[in-house]
């Protein structure tokens, strides 16, 4: 067989479109914007396997982009799945957990660095202080409360960190529709509605958060570096100094 015939029988090279190449490179490159992302999620795995699958995907995406994890400190449910994935992939994990929940949300050894705090307020403030952005996976009341609080802090100008919803299998469709209803009824404006970004997959959501630009039109210029009454004395406001 001649050289020409051999070349004709060779399998043609697969040509990857430029856009696809760009996406592949983005998902495997270190993040230029974020060093740590705080993930809110359930201490339960939920009833659908897709929730666990996307929690694992999120953990892998964080590792690929060299982003460390800040989370609620538990070792069970979606919380544990994300944490174990990041830790086993070589990423740094910081868990923040109230002392009262250690027995309920931790089984076996801890995952990464563990910070034990007094209450839920300190937990949220510490996670927010450590992180450069926030992502909410599916979860229960606690996840929703953590999510809405950091959205509110963004709206008030306490921080300027982006907030993302990992809308797995449409889990957050109803909540996003509720936000739209609040906008429609003029309880806030478009700039406040744009605080929250969402996507169905971890890679898409992280790309959106990387590209997020905070509107200049919202966020009052307030000083949160104040002291507040605490018993007979005063203590520093725990949400002050969360960073920009």
Protein backbone atom coordinates (compact mmCIF):
# COMPACT_ATOMS: atom_id res chain seq x y z
CA UNK A 1 0.00 0.00 0.00
CA UNK A 2 1.36 3.40 -0.99
CA UNK A 3 1.84 6.30 1.37
CA UNK A 4 -1.06 8.15 -0.25
CA UNK A 5 -3.49 5.23 0.34
CA UNK A 6 -2.35 4.88 3.97
CA UNK A 7 -3.02 8.57 4.60
CA UNK A 8 -6.50 8.27 3.08
CA UNK A 9 -7.37 5.36 5.40
CA UNK A 10 -6.23 7.12 8.57
CA UNK A 11 -8.96 8.33 10.92
CA UNK A 12 -9.55 12.04 10.34
CA UNK A 13 -8.62 14.36 13.21
CA UNK A 14 -11.50 15.61 15.36
CA UNK A 15 -11.81 19.35 14.98
CA UNK A 16 -13.07 21.06 18.14
CA UNK A 17 -14.87 24.35 17.39
CA UNK A 18 -13.15 27.44 18.77
CA UNK A 19 -16.02 28.17 21.16
CA UNK A 20 -15.85 24.65 22.61
CA UNK A 21 -12.08 24.91 22.99
CA UNK A 22 -12.56 28.17 24.87
CA UNK A 23 -15.10 26.58 27.23
CA UNK A 24 -12.81 23.62 27.92
CA UNK A 25 -9.92 25.95 28.71
CA UNK A 26 -12.06 28.12 31.00
CA UNK A 27 -13.26 25.17 33.09
CA UNK A 28 -9.74 23.83 33.61
CA UNK A 29 -7.91 27.12 34.25
CA UNK A 30 -7.40 28.59 37.72
CA UNK A 31 -9.91 31.27 38.65
CA UNK A 32 -8.53 34.78 38.21
CA UNK A 33 -11.19 36.26 40.46
CA UNK A 34 -11.95 33.89 43.33
CA UNK A 35 -9.70 32.26 45.91
CA UNK A 36 -12.51 30.91 48.12
CA UNK A 37 -16.19 30.35 47.45
CA UNK A 38 -18.76 29.72 50.17
CA UNK A 39 -21.24 26.96 49.34
CA UNK A 40 -24.61 26.76 51.10
CA UNK A 41 -26.38 23.39 50.86
CA UNK A 42 -28.33 20.77 52.73
CA UNK A 43 -27.10 18.37 55.38
CA UNK A 44 -29.43 15.98 53.54
CA UNK A 45 -28.84 14.67 50.01
CA UNK A 46 -32.46 15.09 48.91
CA UNK A 47 -34.42 12.38 47.13
CA UNK A 48 -33.02 12.85 43.61
CA UNK A 49 -29.63 11.52 42.59
CA UNK A 50 -29.12 14.55 40.36
CA UNK A 51 -28.64 16.72 43.46
CA UNK A 52 -25.69 14.62 44.62
CA UNK A 53 -24.30 14.43 41.09
CA UNK A 54 -24.20 18.20 40.75
CA UNK A 55 -22.77 18.64 44.25
CA UNK A 56 -19.89 16.38 43.19
CA UNK A 57 -19.56 18.28 39.91
CA UNK A 58 -19.35 21.55 41.83
CA UNK A 59 -16.59 20.13 44.01
CA UNK A 60 -14.65 19.01 40.92
CA UNK A 61 -15.11 22.41 39.24
CA UNK A 62 -13.75 24.18 42.32
CA UNK A 63 -10.70 21.89 42.29
CA UNK A 64 -10.14 22.40 38.54
CA UNK A 65 -10.29 26.18 38.95
CA UNK A 66 -8.11 26.07 42.09
CA UNK A 67 -10.83 27.65 44.24
CA UNK A 68 -10.92 26.68 47.92
CA UNK A 69 -14.16 25.86 49.73
CA UNK A 70 -15.84 27.56 52.67
CA UNK A 71 -18.95 25.75 53.91
CA UNK A 72 -21.07 24.84 56.92
CA UNK A 73 -18.67 22.26 58.33
CA UNK A 74 -20.81 19.12 58.14
CA UNK A 75 -19.72 15.76 56.75
CA UNK A 76 -23.13 14.48 55.65
CA UNK A 77 -25.57 15.22 52.81
CA UNK A 78 -24.72 17.54 49.93
CA UNK A 79 -22.54 19.49 52.35
CA UNK A 80 -20.29 16.50 52.94
CA UNK A 81 -20.19 15.51 49.27
CA UNK A 82 -18.90 18.89 48.14
CA UNK A 83 -16.37 19.07 50.97
CA UNK A 84 -14.97 15.55 50.47
CA UNK A 85 -14.64 16.15 46.71
CA UNK A 86 -12.67 19.37 47.15
CA UNK A 87 -10.49 17.87 49.90
CA UNK A 88 -9.69 14.68 47.94
CA UNK A 89 -8.87 16.82 44.89
CA UNK A 90 -6.22 18.74 46.79
CA UNK A 91 -8.23 21.87 47.57
CA UNK A 92 -8.35 23.59 50.95
CA UNK A 93 -11.61 23.23 52.88
CA UNK A 94 -12.76 25.49 55.72
CA UNK A 95 -15.85 24.41 57.64
CA UNK A 96 -17.66 26.76 60.02
CA UNK A 97 -20.07 25.09 62.42
CA UNK A 98 -21.86 26.05 65.65
CA UNK A 99 -20.74 23.91 68.58
CA UNK A 100 -24.32 22.76 69.16
CA UNK A 101 -24.47 21.18 65.67
CA UNK A 102 -21.20 19.26 65.77
CA UNK A 103 -22.87 16.05 66.95
CA UNK A 104 -25.72 16.34 64.44
CA UNK A 105 -23.86 17.34 61.26
CA UNK A 106 -20.47 15.66 61.75
CA UNK A 107 -19.98 11.91 61.53
CA UNK A 108 -16.48 10.49 61.74
CA UNK A 109 -13.53 12.74 61.09
CA UNK A 110 -13.80 16.39 60.08
CA UNK A 111 -13.20 17.53 56.50
CA UNK A 112 -10.33 19.99 56.30
CA UNK A 113 -10.05 22.92 58.71
CA UNK A 114 -12.92 23.27 61.17
CA UNK A 115 -13.89 26.51 62.92
CA UNK A 116 -16.33 26.01 65.81
CA UNK A 117 -18.43 29.08 66.63
CA UNK A 118 -21.00 29.98 69.25
CA UNK A 119 -24.15 30.38 67.16
CA UNK A 120 -25.70 30.60 63.69
CA UNK A 121 -25.07 34.34 63.44
CA UNK A 122 -21.34 33.87 63.91
CA UNK A 123 -21.35 30.99 61.44
CA UNK A 124 -22.84 33.11 58.65
CA UNK A 125 -20.63 36.10 59.38
CA UNK A 126 -17.46 33.98 59.39
CA UNK A 127 -18.34 32.17 56.16
CA UNK A 128 -19.14 35.50 54.50
CA UNK A 129 -15.92 37.06 55.76
CA UNK A 130 -13.78 34.24 54.36
CA UNK A 131 -15.42 33.90 50.93
CA UNK A 132 -15.12 35.85 47.67
CA UNK A 133 -18.50 34.64 46.34
CA UNK A 134 -21.48 32.49 47.34
CA UNK A 135 -23.20 29.50 45.73
CA UNK A 136 -26.38 27.82 46.95
CA UNK A 137 -27.04 24.19 46.07
CA UNK A 138 -30.44 22.66 46.88
CA UNK A 139 -31.20 22.52 50.59
CA UNK A 140 -33.74 23.23 53.29
CA UNK A 141 -34.67 26.16 55.52
CA UNK A 142 -31.09 26.73 56.65
CA UNK A 143 -29.79 26.94 53.09
CA UNK A 144 -32.55 29.37 52.14
CA UNK A 145 -31.89 31.54 55.20
CA UNK A 146 -28.15 31.71 54.50
CA UNK A 147 -28.78 32.52 50.85
CA UNK A 148 -31.29 35.32 51.45
CA UNK A 149 -29.10 36.88 54.13
CA UNK A 150 -26.05 37.26 51.85
CA UNK A 151 -28.33 38.63 49.10
CA UNK A 152 -29.64 41.22 51.57
CA UNK A 153 -26.12 42.11 52.71
CA UNK A 154 -25.18 42.67 49.07
CA UNK A 155 -28.23 44.89 48.53
CA UNK A 156 -27.33 46.96 51.60
CA UNK A 157 -23.75 47.38 50.47
CA UNK A 158 -22.24 45.34 53.31
CA UNK A 159 -20.35 43.35 50.69
CA UNK A 160 -20.06 43.32 46.89
CA UNK A 161 -19.56 39.59 46.45
CA UNK A 162 -21.57 37.78 43.75
CA UNK A 163 -24.30 35.30 44.69
CA UNK A 164 -25.20 32.29 42.55
CA UNK A 165 -28.01 29.72 42.59
CA UNK A 166 -27.10 26.26 41.32
CA UNK A 167 -30.57 25.54 39.96
CA UNK A 168 -30.29 21.76 39.71
CA UNK A 169 -33.24 20.16 37.89
CA UNK A 170 -35.25 23.38 38.31
CA UNK A 171 -35.07 23.19 42.12
CA UNK A 172 -34.95 26.99 42.47
CA UNK A 173 -37.44 27.85 39.70
CA UNK A 174 -40.15 28.76 42.20
CA UNK A 175 -37.79 30.97 44.22
CA UNK A 176 -36.55 32.75 41.09
CA UNK A 177 -40.17 33.33 40.04
CA UNK A 178 -40.84 34.78 43.50
CA UNK A 179 -37.92 37.19 43.08
CA UNK A 180 -39.44 38.22 39.73
CA UNK A 181 -42.80 38.76 41.46
CA UNK A 182 -41.13 41.01 44.05
CA UNK A 183 -39.62 43.00 41.19
CA UNK A 184 -42.97 43.21 39.38
CA UNK A 185 -44.68 44.50 42.54
CA UNK A 186 -41.87 47.08 42.97
CA UNK A 187 -40.47 45.87 46.28
CA UNK A 188 -37.05 46.32 44.68
CA UNK A 189 -35.69 47.42 41.31
CA UNK A 190 -33.83 45.73 38.46
CA UNK A 191 -30.43 46.44 39.95
CA UNK A 192 -31.37 44.57 43.12
CA UNK A 193 -32.90 41.69 41.13
CA UNK A 194 -29.63 41.32 39.24
CA UNK A 195 -27.74 40.48 42.44
CA UNK A 196 -28.63 36.80 41.98
CA UNK A 197 -27.36 34.81 39.02
CA UNK A 198 -28.39 31.22 38.31
CA UNK A 199 -27.51 28.27 36.10
CA UNK A 200 -28.38 24.55 35.97
CA UNK A 201 -24.79 23.28 36.10
CA UNK A 202 -21.73 24.07 38.19
CA UNK A 203 -19.52 24.97 35.23
CA UNK A 204 -22.09 27.39 33.77
CA UNK A 205 -22.71 29.03 37.13
CA UNK A 206 -19.02 29.52 37.88
CA UNK A 207 -18.51 31.06 34.43
CA UNK A 208 -21.36 33.49 35.17
CA UNK A 209 -19.95 34.39 38.57
CA UNK A 210 -16.51 35.00 37.05
CA UNK A 211 -18.10 37.42 34.56
CA UNK A 212 -20.47 39.08 37.05
CA UNK A 213 -20.33 42.85 37.30
CA UNK A 214 -22.12 44.56 40.17
CA UNK A 215 -24.42 47.40 39.05
CA UNK A 216 -23.32 50.79 40.33
CA UNK A 217 -26.90 51.90 40.90
CA UNK A 218 -27.54 50.01 44.12
CA UNK A 219 -25.95 49.46 47.49
CA UNK A 220 -26.18 52.44 49.85
CA UNK A 221 -22.91 53.93 51.03
CA UNK A 222 -23.32 53.05 54.67
CA UNK A 223 -20.66 52.51 57.32
CA UNK A 224 -21.04 49.15 59.04
CA UNK A 225 -17.85 49.53 61.08
CA UNK A 226 -19.77 50.44 64.22
CA UNK A 227 -20.17 49.12 67.71
CA UNK A 228 -23.44 47.69 68.92
CA UNK A 229 -24.84 47.08 72.43
CA UNK A 230 -24.01 43.63 73.77
CA UNK A 231 -25.19 42.92 77.30
CA UNK A 232 -23.65 45.48 79.63
CA UNK A 233 -20.86 46.38 77.22
CA UNK A 234 -20.26 46.79 73.52
CA UNK A 235 -18.84 44.53 70.86
CA UNK A 236 -17.83 44.99 67.24
CA UNK A 237 -20.55 44.42 64.66
CA UNK A 238 -19.95 40.83 63.41
CA UNK A 239 -20.93 41.67 59.82
CA UNK A 240 -18.55 44.61 59.57
CA UNK A 241 -15.48 44.16 57.45
CA UNK A 242 -16.83 41.36 55.27
CA UNK A 243 -14.78 42.65 52.36
CA UNK A 244 -15.70 43.89 48.92
